[in-house]
Amino acid sequence: MYNMATMKINVDEYLWMALKEDITSEDVTTNAIMREDKLGEAELLCKQDGVVAGIQIFERVFHLLDENTKVEMYVKDGDVVKNGQLMAKVTGDIRTILTGERVALNYLQRMSGIATHTRKLVDLLGDAKIKLLDTRKTTPNMRIFEKYAVRVGGGTNHRLNLSDGVLIKDNHIGAAGSIKRAVDMAREYAPFVRKIEVEVETMEQVQEAIDAGADIIMLDNMDNETMKKAVALIDGRAETECSGNVTAERVKDIIETGVDYMSCGALTHSSAIMDISLKNLHAI
């Protein structure tokens, strides 16, 4: 959950960027029809079943525009909501509500859509020990929000950014000349507390990654039978991650391969937004 310090340090800058994108000089429509302060109230309504994520971000947008705006929340992040449910009421200057509406909803809809998608896959995993991971395939300037939404949905974050860990992918291997050379150079350069993960596509590369002493071996775009063979070959000498074409339809088969982690880029790059509206604005 975001606290105020986290908001100010990590979140407010991005929210201001989004507001500045939407308001280059003024909200001309609102200023044309609302010439003076007037207290009003609007209802935040859920229009489909899903999982809430970003309700504090929704609130923070209005507070940045006018700290006197009040958001009375009836749900919290992680809650399952139903179509037609009242999620919150926003009370404040009608001009503030109108001006902040779209930006606030953009965050809430996007984050709730990701949390809903994530929860679906987590539920399919059931009691399996495998962990669902996200990736860096995120919307520019939205990563902290999207990865937070994955956690709300029950998933686990992979690297937040390039400084967060060593992941040697195919082009790194090509640049270094071999998996062994890439791992050796990473081991020499990176702090000893960093785990080294290597992406492999063939059984030959799996063996090379084992011999190089990789901590985690990512099995990229392998079919289920090949993954089973790879996990058996690795035999606990490294952690294993399945990546590529991870869908709800494949979850059961992926569990049976015995991998430790399952990464899904679609959580952040392809989740549909959750349908949420701010309705019934009226003066009070």
C-alpha atoms as a PDB file:
ATOM      1  CA  MET A   1       0.000   0.000   0.000  1.00  0.00           C
ATOM      2  CA  TYR A   2       1.224   3.495  -0.798  1.00  0.00           C
ATOM      3  CA  ASN A   3       1.813   5.780   2.193  1.00  0.00           C
ATOM      4  CA  MET A   4       2.207   9.536   1.934  1.00  0.00           C
ATOM      5  CA  ALA A   5       6.006   9.431   1.870  1.00  0.00           C
ATOM      6  CA  THR A   6       5.942   6.899  -0.965  1.00  0.00           C
ATOM      7  CA  MET A   7       3.428   9.029  -2.834  1.00  0.00           C
ATOM      8  CA  LYS A   8       5.562  12.153  -2.619  1.00  0.00           C
ATOM      9  CA  ILE A   9       8.867  10.453  -3.424  1.00  0.00           C
ATOM     10  CA  ASN A  10       7.882   7.983  -6.131  1.00  0.00           C
ATOM     11  CA  VAL A  11       4.415   8.806  -7.420  1.00  0.00           C
ATOM     12  CA  ASP A  12       3.623  12.527  -7.450  1.00  0.00           C
ATOM     13  CA  GLU A  13       6.115  13.343 -10.222  1.00  0.00           C
ATOM     14  CA  TYR A  14       4.382  10.930 -12.609  1.00  0.00           C
ATOM     15  CA  LEU A  15       0.923  12.129 -11.640  1.00  0.00           C
ATOM     16  CA  TRP A  16       1.948  15.731 -12.301  1.00  0.00           C
ATOM     17  CA  MET A  17       3.317  14.677 -15.709  1.00  0.00           C
ATOM     18  CA  ALA A  18      -0.008  13.080 -16.573  1.00  0.00           C
ATOM     19  CA  LEU A  19      -1.942  16.133 -15.399  1.00  0.00           C
ATOM     20  CA  LYS A  20       0.321  18.481 -17.359  1.00  0.00           C
ATOM     21  CA  GLU A  21      -0.179  16.336 -20.454  1.00  0.00           C
ATOM     22  CA  ASP A  22      -3.946  16.732 -20.078  1.00  0.00           C
ATOM     23  CA  ILE A  23      -3.943  20.423 -19.060  1.00  0.00           C
ATOM     24  CA  THR A  24      -1.425  22.370 -21.135  1.00  0.00           C
ATOM     25  CA  SER A  25      -2.855  25.738 -20.105  1.00  0.00           C
ATOM     26  CA  GLU A  26      -6.403  25.292 -18.801  1.00  0.00           C
ATOM     27  CA  ASP A  27      -9.466  23.065 -18.846  1.00  0.00           C
ATOM     28  CA  VAL A  28     -11.305  25.316 -21.253  1.00  0.00           C
ATOM     29  CA  THR A  29     -14.607  23.410 -21.141  1.00  0.00           C
ATOM     30  CA  THR A  30     -14.837  23.393 -17.358  1.00  0.00           C
ATOM     31  CA  ASN A  31     -13.737  27.013 -17.059  1.00  0.00           C
ATOM     32  CA  ALA A  32     -16.346  28.025 -19.629  1.00  0.00           C
ATOM     33  CA  ILE A  33     -19.309  26.454 -17.823  1.00  0.00           C
ATOM     34  CA  MET A  34     -18.121  26.810 -14.197  1.00  0.00           C
ATOM     35  CA  ARG A  35     -17.120  30.434 -13.562  1.00  0.00           C
ATOM     36  CA  GLU A  36     -16.902  30.147  -9.767  1.00  0.00           C
ATOM     37  CA  ASP A  37     -16.328  27.706  -6.914  1.00  0.00           C
ATOM     38  CA  LYS A  38     -19.189  25.340  -6.267  1.00  0.00           C
ATOM     39  CA  LEU A  39     -19.161  22.310  -3.998  1.00  0.00           C
ATOM     40  CA  GLY A  40     -20.161  19.079  -5.698  1.00  0.00           C
ATOM     41  CA  GLU A  41     -20.178  15.319  -5.344  1.00  0.00           C
ATOM     42  CA  ALA A  42     -19.685  12.448  -7.801  1.00  0.00           C
ATOM     43  CA  GLU A  43     -19.884   8.658  -7.499  1.00  0.00           C
ATOM     44  CA  LEU A  44     -17.180   6.206  -8.557  1.00  0.00           C
ATOM     45  CA  LEU A  45     -19.019   3.228 -10.032  1.00  0.00           C
ATOM     46  CA  CYS A  46     -17.700  -0.177 -11.046  1.00  0.00           C
ATOM     47  CA  LYS A  47     -19.132  -1.339 -14.379  1.00  0.00           C
ATOM     48  CA  GLN A  48     -17.685  -4.851 -14.452  1.00  0.00           C
ATOM     49  CA  ASP A  49     -16.458  -7.511 -12.042  1.00  0.00           C
ATOM     50  CA  GLY A  50     -12.768  -7.308 -11.157  1.00  0.00           C
ATOM     51  CA  VAL A  51     -10.012  -6.562  -8.655  1.00  0.00           C
ATOM     52  CA  VAL A  52      -9.337  -3.003  -7.465  1.00  0.00           C
ATOM     53  CA  ALA A  53      -5.851  -1.511  -7.748  1.00  0.00           C
ATOM     54  CA  GLY A  54      -4.902   2.149  -7.618  1.00  0.00           C
ATOM     55  CA  ILE A  55      -7.690   3.585  -5.485  1.00  0.00           C
ATOM     56  CA  GLN A  56      -5.148   5.685  -3.558  1.00  0.00           C
ATOM     57  CA  ILE A  57      -3.683   6.919  -6.839  1.00  0.00           C
ATOM     58  CA  PHE A  58      -7.183   7.919  -7.938  1.00  0.00           C
ATOM     59  CA  GLU A  59      -7.535   9.912  -4.711  1.00  0.00           C
ATOM     60  CA  ARG A  60      -4.078  11.467  -4.970  1.00  0.00           C
ATOM     61  CA  VAL A  61      -4.777  12.991  -8.399  1.00  0.00           C
ATOM     62  CA  PHE A  62      -7.609  15.069  -6.925  1.00  0.00           C
ATOM     63  CA  HIS A  63      -5.552  16.015  -3.870  1.00  0.00           C
ATOM     64  CA  LEU A  64      -2.761  17.340  -6.086  1.00  0.00           C
ATOM     65  CA  LEU A  65      -5.261  19.591  -7.852  1.00  0.00           C
ATOM     66  CA  ASP A  66      -6.957  20.663  -4.624  1.00  0.00           C
ATOM     67  CA  GLU A  67      -5.991  19.277  -1.228  1.00  0.00           C
ATOM     68  CA  ASN A  68      -9.486  20.068   0.064  1.00  0.00           C
ATOM     69  CA  THR A  69     -11.040  17.455  -2.210  1.00  0.00           C
ATOM     70  CA  LYS A  70     -12.393  14.516  -0.210  1.00  0.00           C
ATOM     71  CA  VAL A  71     -12.554  10.937  -1.491  1.00  0.00           C
ATOM     72  CA  GLU A  72     -14.662   8.627   0.662  1.00  0.00           C
ATOM     73  CA  MET A  73     -13.556   5.115  -0.274  1.00  0.00           C
ATOM     74  CA  TYR A  74     -15.725   2.043   0.115  1.00  0.00           C
ATOM     75  CA  VAL A  75     -13.134  -0.366  -1.295  1.00  0.00           C
ATOM     76  CA  LYS A  76      -9.383  -0.886  -0.940  1.00  0.00           C
ATOM     77  CA  ASP A  77      -6.713  -2.254  -3.242  1.00  0.00           C
ATOM     78  CA  GLY A  78      -7.053  -6.013  -3.651  1.00  0.00           C
ATOM     79  CA  ASP A  79     -10.813  -6.083  -3.095  1.00  0.00           C
ATOM     80  CA  VAL A  80     -12.997  -8.001  -5.526  1.00  0.00           C
ATOM     81  CA  VAL A  81     -15.764  -5.738  -6.815  1.00  0.00           C
ATOM     82  CA  LYS A  82     -18.930  -6.397  -8.792  1.00  0.00           C
ATOM     83  CA  ASN A  83     -20.659  -4.654 -11.666  1.00  0.00           C
ATOM     84  CA  GLY A  84     -22.714  -1.751 -10.336  1.00  0.00           C
ATOM     85  CA  GLN A  85     -20.878  -1.470  -7.023  1.00  0.00           C
ATOM     86  CA  LEU A  86     -20.270   1.980  -5.533  1.00  0.00           C
ATOM     87  CA  MET A  87     -16.523   2.230  -4.987  1.00  0.00           C
ATOM     88  CA  ALA A  88     -16.128   5.784  -3.696  1.00  0.00           C
ATOM     89  CA  LYS A  89     -17.600   9.279  -3.536  1.00  0.00           C
ATOM     90  CA  VAL A  90     -15.618  12.372  -4.501  1.00  0.00           C
ATOM     91  CA  THR A  91     -16.571  15.671  -2.860  1.00  0.00           C
ATOM     92  CA  GLY A  92     -15.025  19.041  -3.666  1.00  0.00           C
ATOM     93  CA  ASP A  93     -14.956  21.955  -6.045  1.00  0.00           C
ATOM     94  CA  ILE A  94     -16.861  20.805  -9.138  1.00  0.00           C
ATOM     95  CA  ARG A  95     -14.118  22.279 -11.326  1.00  0.00           C
ATOM     96  CA  THR A  96     -11.497  20.103  -9.649  1.00  0.00           C
ATOM     97  CA  ILE A  97     -13.628  16.985 -10.064  1.00  0.00           C
ATOM     98  CA  LEU A  98     -14.190  17.687 -13.757  1.00  0.00           C
ATOM     99  CA  THR A  99     -10.561  18.513 -14.466  1.00  0.00           C
ATOM    100  CA  GLY A 100      -9.055  15.542 -12.627  1.00  0.00           C
ATOM    101  CA  GLU A 101     -11.609  12.942 -13.664  1.00  0.00           C
ATOM    102  CA  ARG A 102      -9.905  11.493 -16.732  1.00  0.00           C
ATOM    103  CA  VAL A 103      -6.382  11.270 -15.347  1.00  0.00           C
ATOM    104  CA  ALA A 104      -7.614   9.726 -12.090  1.00  0.00           C
ATOM    105  CA  LEU A 105      -9.717   7.179 -13.972  1.00  0.00           C
ATOM    106  CA  ASN A 106      -6.916   6.346 -16.409  1.00  0.00           C
ATOM    107  CA  TYR A 107      -4.715   5.171 -13.551  1.00  0.00           C
ATOM    108  CA  LEU A 108      -7.469   3.331 -11.703  1.00  0.00           C
ATOM    109  CA  GLN A 109      -8.827   1.582 -14.800  1.00  0.00           C
ATOM    110  CA  ARG A 110      -5.389   0.534 -16.033  1.00  0.00           C
ATOM    111  CA  MET A 111      -4.135  -0.691 -12.674  1.00  0.00           C
ATOM    112  CA  SER A 112      -7.379  -2.518 -11.852  1.00  0.00           C
ATOM    113  CA  GLY A 113      -7.299  -4.236 -15.242  1.00  0.00           C
ATOM    114  CA  ILE A 114      -3.790  -5.528 -14.554  1.00  0.00           C
ATOM    115  CA  ALA A 115      -4.730  -6.683 -11.043  1.00  0.00           C
ATOM    116  CA  THR A 116      -7.795  -8.475 -12.427  1.00  0.00           C
ATOM    117  CA  HIS A 117      -5.768 -10.276 -15.115  1.00  0.00           C
ATOM    118  CA  THR A 118      -3.083 -11.209 -12.581  1.00  0.00           C
ATOM    119  CA  ARG A 119      -5.612 -12.578 -10.091  1.00  0.00           C
ATOM    120  CA  LYS A 120      -7.088 -14.788 -12.820  1.00  0.00           C
ATOM    121  CA  LEU A 121      -3.737 -16.466 -13.462  1.00  0.00           C
ATOM    122  CA  VAL A 122      -2.882 -16.684  -9.759  1.00  0.00           C
ATOM    123  CA  ASP A 123      -6.208 -18.425  -9.114  1.00  0.00           C
ATOM    124  CA  LEU A 124      -5.409 -20.908 -11.896  1.00  0.00           C
ATOM    125  CA  LEU A 125      -2.087 -21.681 -10.202  1.00  0.00           C
ATOM    126  CA  GLY A 126      -3.968 -22.653  -7.054  1.00  0.00           C
ATOM    127  CA  ASP A 127      -1.736 -24.392  -4.511  1.00  0.00           C
ATOM    128  CA  ALA A 128       1.136 -24.930  -6.933  1.00  0.00           C
ATOM    129  CA  LYS A 129       4.497 -23.651  -5.659  1.00  0.00           C
ATOM    130  CA  ILE A 130       5.252 -21.866  -8.940  1.00  0.00           C
ATOM    131  CA  LYS A 131       5.278 -18.050  -8.702  1.00  0.00           C
ATOM    132  CA  LEU A 132       3.790 -15.739 -11.330  1.00  0.00           C
ATOM    133  CA  LEU A 133       6.164 -12.941 -12.405  1.00  0.00           C
ATOM    134  CA  ASP A 134       5.754  -9.774 -14.434  1.00  0.00           C
ATOM    135  CA  THR A 135       8.335  -8.377 -16.891  1.00  0.00           C
ATOM    136  CA  ARG A 136       9.757  -5.017 -18.011  1.00  0.00           C
ATOM    137  CA  LYS A 137       7.260  -4.891 -20.898  1.00  0.00           C
ATOM    138  CA  THR A 138       5.477  -1.952 -19.338  1.00  0.00           C
ATOM    139  CA  THR A 139       3.984   1.323 -20.529  1.00  0.00           C
ATOM    140  CA  PRO A 140       6.628   4.097 -20.443  1.00  0.00           C
ATOM    141  CA  ASN A 141       6.407   6.103 -17.206  1.00  0.00           C
ATOM    142  CA  MET A 142       3.803   3.668 -15.845  1.00  0.00           C
ATOM    143  CA  ARG A 143       6.071   0.912 -14.549  1.00  0.00           C
ATOM    144  CA  ILE A 144       5.778   1.576 -10.816  1.00  0.00           C
ATOM    145  CA  PHE A 145       1.982   1.667 -11.116  1.00  0.00           C
ATOM    146  CA  GLU A 146       1.716  -1.417 -13.317  1.00  0.00           C
ATOM    147  CA  LYS A 147       4.093  -3.528 -11.263  1.00  0.00           C
ATOM    148  CA  TYR A 148       2.314  -2.454  -8.089  1.00  0.00           C
ATOM    149  CA  ALA A 149      -0.950  -3.627  -9.669  1.00  0.00           C
ATOM    150  CA  VAL A 150       0.611  -7.033 -10.353  1.00  0.00           C
ATOM    151  CA  ARG A 151       1.409  -7.358  -6.644  1.00  0.00           C
ATOM    152  CA  VAL A 152      -2.121  -6.341  -5.718  1.00  0.00           C
ATOM    153  CA  GLY A 153      -3.397  -9.101  -7.998  1.00  0.00           C
ATOM    154  CA  GLY A 154      -1.243 -11.672  -6.205  1.00  0.00           C
ATOM    155  CA  GLY A 155       1.711 -11.806  -8.587  1.00  0.00           C
ATOM    156  CA  THR A 156       5.412 -11.247  -7.887  1.00  0.00           C
ATOM    157  CA  ASN A 157       7.618  -8.571  -9.401  1.00  0.00           C
ATOM    158  CA  HIS A 158      10.598  -9.530 -11.555  1.00  0.00           C
ATOM    159  CA  ARG A 159      13.235  -6.807 -12.084  1.00  0.00           C
ATOM    160  CA  LEU A 160      11.934  -3.281 -11.627  1.00  0.00           C
ATOM    161  CA  ASN A 161      14.603  -1.921 -13.983  1.00  0.00           C
ATOM    162  CA  LEU A 162      17.997  -2.653 -15.549  1.00  0.00           C
ATOM    163  CA  SER A 163      19.803  -1.774 -12.322  1.00  0.00           C
ATOM    164  CA  ASP A 164      17.820  -4.318 -10.352  1.00  0.00           C
ATOM    165  CA  GLY A 165      19.490  -7.542 -11.414  1.00  0.00           C
ATOM    166  CA  VAL A 166      21.503  -9.418 -14.038  1.00  0.00           C
ATOM    167  CA  LEU A 167      19.477 -11.031 -16.829  1.00  0.00           C
ATOM    168  CA  ILE A 168      21.589 -12.263 -19.738  1.00  0.00           C
ATOM    169  CA  LYS A 169      19.381 -12.505 -22.820  1.00  0.00           C
ATOM    170  CA  ASP A 170      20.048 -13.725 -26.358  1.00  0.00           C
ATOM    171  CA  ASN A 171      21.576 -10.460 -27.567  1.00  0.00           C
ATOM    172  CA  HIS A 172      23.848 -10.264 -24.529  1.00  0.00           C
ATOM    173  CA  ILE A 173      25.035 -13.782 -25.318  1.00  0.00           C
ATOM    174  CA  GLY A 174      25.614 -12.755 -28.922  1.00  0.00           C
ATOM    175  CA  ALA A 175      27.554  -9.681 -27.815  1.00  0.00           C
ATOM    176  CA  ALA A 176      29.700 -11.670 -25.347  1.00  0.00           C
ATOM    177  CA  GLY A 177      30.293 -14.615 -27.679  1.00  0.00           C
ATOM    178  CA  SER A 178      28.952 -17.379 -25.411  1.00  0.00           C
ATOM    179  CA  ILE A 179      26.886 -18.018 -22.321  1.00  0.00           C
ATOM    180  CA  LYS A 180      29.976 -18.919 -20.300  1.00  0.00           C
ATOM    181  CA  ARG A 181      31.781 -15.726 -21.214  1.00  0.00           C
ATOM    182  CA  ALA A 182      28.693 -13.615 -20.474  1.00  0.00           C
ATOM    183  CA  VAL A 183      28.211 -15.245 -17.064  1.00  0.00           C
ATOM    184  CA  ASP A 184      31.904 -14.956 -16.203  1.00  0.00           C
ATOM    185  CA  MET A 185      31.947 -11.238 -17.046  1.00  0.00           C
ATOM    186  CA  ALA A 186      28.728 -10.632 -15.102  1.00  0.00           C
ATOM    187  CA  ARG A 187      30.128 -12.490 -12.103  1.00  0.00           C
ATOM    188  CA  GLU A 188      33.271 -10.375 -12.211  1.00  0.00           C
ATOM    189  CA  TYR A 189      31.463  -7.044 -12.635  1.00  0.00           C
ATOM    190  CA  ALA A 190      28.185  -7.261 -10.713  1.00  0.00           C
ATOM    191  CA  PRO A 191      28.006  -7.035  -6.899  1.00  0.00           C
ATOM    192  CA  PHE A 192      28.177 -10.476  -5.301  1.00  0.00           C
ATOM    193  CA  VAL A 193      24.649 -10.082  -3.903  1.00  0.00           C
ATOM    194  CA  ARG A 194      23.196 -10.063  -7.443  1.00  0.00           C
ATOM    195  CA  LYS A 195      21.844 -13.322  -8.800  1.00  0.00           C
ATOM    196  CA  ILE A 196      22.668 -14.059 -12.431  1.00  0.00           C
ATOM    197  CA  GLU A 197      19.859 -15.217 -14.695  1.00  0.00           C
ATOM    198  CA  VAL A 198      20.419 -16.560 -18.195  1.00  0.00           C
ATOM    199  CA  GLU A 199      17.827 -16.876 -20.963  1.00  0.00           C
ATOM    200  CA  VAL A 200      18.127 -20.092 -23.007  1.00  0.00           C
ATOM    201  CA  GLU A 201      16.226 -21.462 -25.977  1.00  0.00           C
ATOM    202  CA  THR A 202      17.713 -24.942 -26.522  1.00  0.00           C
ATOM    203  CA  MET A 203      18.801 -27.927 -24.450  1.00  0.00           C
ATOM    204  CA  GLU A 204      22.408 -27.241 -25.482  1.00  0.00           C
ATOM    205  CA  GLN A 205      22.128 -23.744 -23.999  1.00  0.00           C
ATOM    206  CA  VAL A 206      20.574 -25.203 -20.842  1.00  0.00           C
ATOM    207  CA  GLN A 207      23.680 -27.349 -20.347  1.00  0.00           C
ATOM    208  CA  GLU A 208      25.955 -24.391 -21.054  1.00  0.00           C
ATOM    209  CA  ALA A 209      24.095 -22.253 -18.497  1.00  0.00           C
ATOM    210  CA  ILE A 210      24.418 -25.022 -15.898  1.00  0.00           C
ATOM    211  CA  ASP A 211      28.145 -25.376 -16.566  1.00  0.00           C
ATOM    212  CA  ALA A 212      28.568 -21.581 -16.337  1.00  0.00           C
ATOM    213  CA  GLY A 213      26.992 -21.562 -12.878  1.00  0.00           C
ATOM    214  CA  ALA A 214      23.881 -19.481 -13.617  1.00  0.00           C
ATOM    215  CA  ASP A 215      21.683 -18.909 -10.569  1.00  0.00           C
ATOM    216  CA  ILE A 216      18.443 -18.834 -12.567  1.00  0.00           C
ATOM    217  CA  ILE A 217      17.821 -20.322 -15.999  1.00  0.00           C
ATOM    218  CA  MET A 218      14.980 -18.849 -18.042  1.00  0.00           C
ATOM    219  CA  LEU A 219      13.444 -21.344 -20.460  1.00  0.00           C
ATOM    220  CA  ASP A 220      12.324 -19.074 -23.276  1.00  0.00           C
ATOM    221  CA  ASN A 221       9.583 -20.103 -25.711  1.00  0.00           C
ATOM    222  CA  MET A 222      10.085 -23.814 -25.117  1.00  0.00           C
ATOM    223  CA  ASP A 223       7.271 -26.311 -25.546  1.00  0.00           C
ATOM    224  CA  ASN A 224       6.066 -28.174 -22.479  1.00  0.00           C
ATOM    225  CA  GLU A 225       7.963 -31.407 -23.129  1.00  0.00           C
ATOM    226  CA  THR A 226      11.258 -29.600 -23.708  1.00  0.00           C
ATOM    227  CA  MET A 227      10.749 -27.644 -20.491  1.00  0.00           C
ATOM    228  CA  LYS A 228      10.213 -30.876 -18.561  1.00  0.00           C
ATOM    229  CA  LYS A 229      13.481 -32.226 -19.947  1.00  0.00           C
ATOM    230  CA  ALA A 230      15.269 -28.969 -19.122  1.00  0.00           C
ATOM    231  CA  VAL A 231      14.027 -28.951 -15.516  1.00  0.00           C
ATOM    232  CA  ALA A 232      15.121 -32.570 -15.129  1.00  0.00           C
ATOM    233  CA  LEU A 233      18.566 -31.752 -16.534  1.00  0.00           C
ATOM    234  CA  ILE A 234      18.996 -28.724 -14.274  1.00  0.00           C
ATOM    235  CA  ASP A 235      17.961 -30.911 -11.316  1.00  0.00           C
ATOM    236  CA  GLY A 236      17.941 -28.160  -8.719  1.00  0.00           C
ATOM    237  CA  ARG A 237      21.344 -26.717  -9.633  1.00  0.00           C
ATOM    238  CA  ALA A 238      19.609 -23.466 -10.601  1.00  0.00           C
ATOM    239  CA  GLU A 239      16.158 -21.989 -10.236  1.00  0.00           C
ATOM    240  CA  THR A 240      14.024 -22.199 -13.350  1.00  0.00           C
ATOM    241  CA  GLU A 241      11.712 -19.726 -15.061  1.00  0.00           C
ATOM    242  CA  CYS A 242       9.288 -20.296 -17.919  1.00  0.00           C
ATOM    243  CA  SER A 243       8.888 -17.379 -20.316  1.00  0.00           C
ATOM    244  CA  GLY A 244       7.059 -16.779 -23.577  1.00  0.00           C
ATOM    245  CA  ASN A 245       3.463 -17.391 -24.624  1.00  0.00           C
ATOM    246  CA  VAL A 246       2.230 -17.753 -21.053  1.00  0.00           C
ATOM    247  CA  THR A 247      -1.570 -17.836 -21.227  1.00  0.00           C
ATOM    248  CA  ALA A 248      -4.397 -19.049 -19.021  1.00  0.00           C
ATOM    249  CA  GLU A 249      -4.792 -22.068 -21.289  1.00  0.00           C
ATOM    250  CA  ARG A 250      -1.180 -23.141 -20.676  1.00  0.00           C
ATOM    251  CA  VAL A 251      -1.037 -22.710 -16.895  1.00  0.00           C
ATOM    252  CA  LYS A 252      -1.876 -26.336 -16.024  1.00  0.00           C
ATOM    253  CA  ASP A 253       0.730 -27.686 -18.427  1.00  0.00           C
ATOM    254  CA  ILE A 254       3.360 -25.222 -17.192  1.00  0.00           C
ATOM    255  CA  ILE A 255       2.776 -26.336 -13.590  1.00  0.00           C
ATOM    256  CA  GLU A 256       3.458 -29.912 -14.659  1.00  0.00           C
ATOM    257  CA  THR A 257       6.879 -28.983 -16.062  1.00  0.00           C
ATOM    258  CA  GLY A 258       8.151 -28.292 -12.538  1.00  0.00           C
ATOM    259  CA  VAL A 259       9.534 -24.788 -13.130  1.00  0.00           C
ATOM    260  CA  ASP A 260       9.885 -22.445 -10.167  1.00  0.00           C
ATOM    261  CA  TYR A 261       8.648 -19.256 -11.865  1.00  0.00           C
ATOM    262  CA  MET A 262       6.334 -18.331 -14.714  1.00  0.00           C
ATOM    263  CA  SER A 263       6.788 -14.862 -16.249  1.00  0.00           C
ATOM    264  CA  CYS A 264       4.025 -13.222 -18.248  1.00  0.00           C
ATOM    265  CA  GLY A 265       4.623 -10.002 -20.172  1.00  0.00           C
ATOM    266  CA  ALA A 266       0.939  -9.812 -21.057  1.00  0.00           C
ATOM    267  CA  LEU A 267       0.106  -8.818 -17.471  1.00  0.00           C
ATOM    268  CA  THR A 268       1.431  -5.325 -18.135  1.00  0.00           C
ATOM    269  CA  HIS A 269       1.405  -4.983 -21.914  1.00  0.00           C
ATOM    270  CA  SER A 270      -1.945  -6.524 -22.827  1.00  0.00           C
ATOM    271  CA  SER A 271      -4.339  -6.419 -19.871  1.00  0.00           C
ATOM    272  CA  ALA A 272      -7.661  -4.791 -20.747  1.00  0.00           C
ATOM    273  CA  ILE A 273      -8.677  -1.846 -18.608  1.00  0.00           C
ATOM    274  CA  MET A 274     -11.384  -2.377 -16.027  1.00  0.00           C
ATOM    275  CA  ASP A 275     -14.555  -0.420 -16.805  1.00  0.00           C
ATOM    276  CA  ILE A 276     -14.980   2.180 -14.048  1.00  0.00           C
ATOM    277  CA  SER A 277     -16.821   5.510 -14.307  1.00  0.00           C
ATOM    278  CA  LEU A 278     -17.218   8.701 -12.317  1.00  0.00           C
ATOM    279  CA  LYS A 279     -20.931   9.461 -12.540  1.00  0.00           C
ATOM    280  CA  ASN A 280     -23.796  11.478 -11.140  1.00  0.00           C
ATOM    281  CA  LEU A 281     -21.874  14.698 -10.521  1.00  0.00           C
ATOM    282  CA  HIS A 282     -24.115  17.253  -8.864  1.00  0.00           C
ATOM    283  CA  ALA A 283     -23.897  20.377  -6.749  1.00  0.00           C
ATOM    284  CA  ILE A 284     -24.444  20.033  -3.013  1.00  0.00           C
END
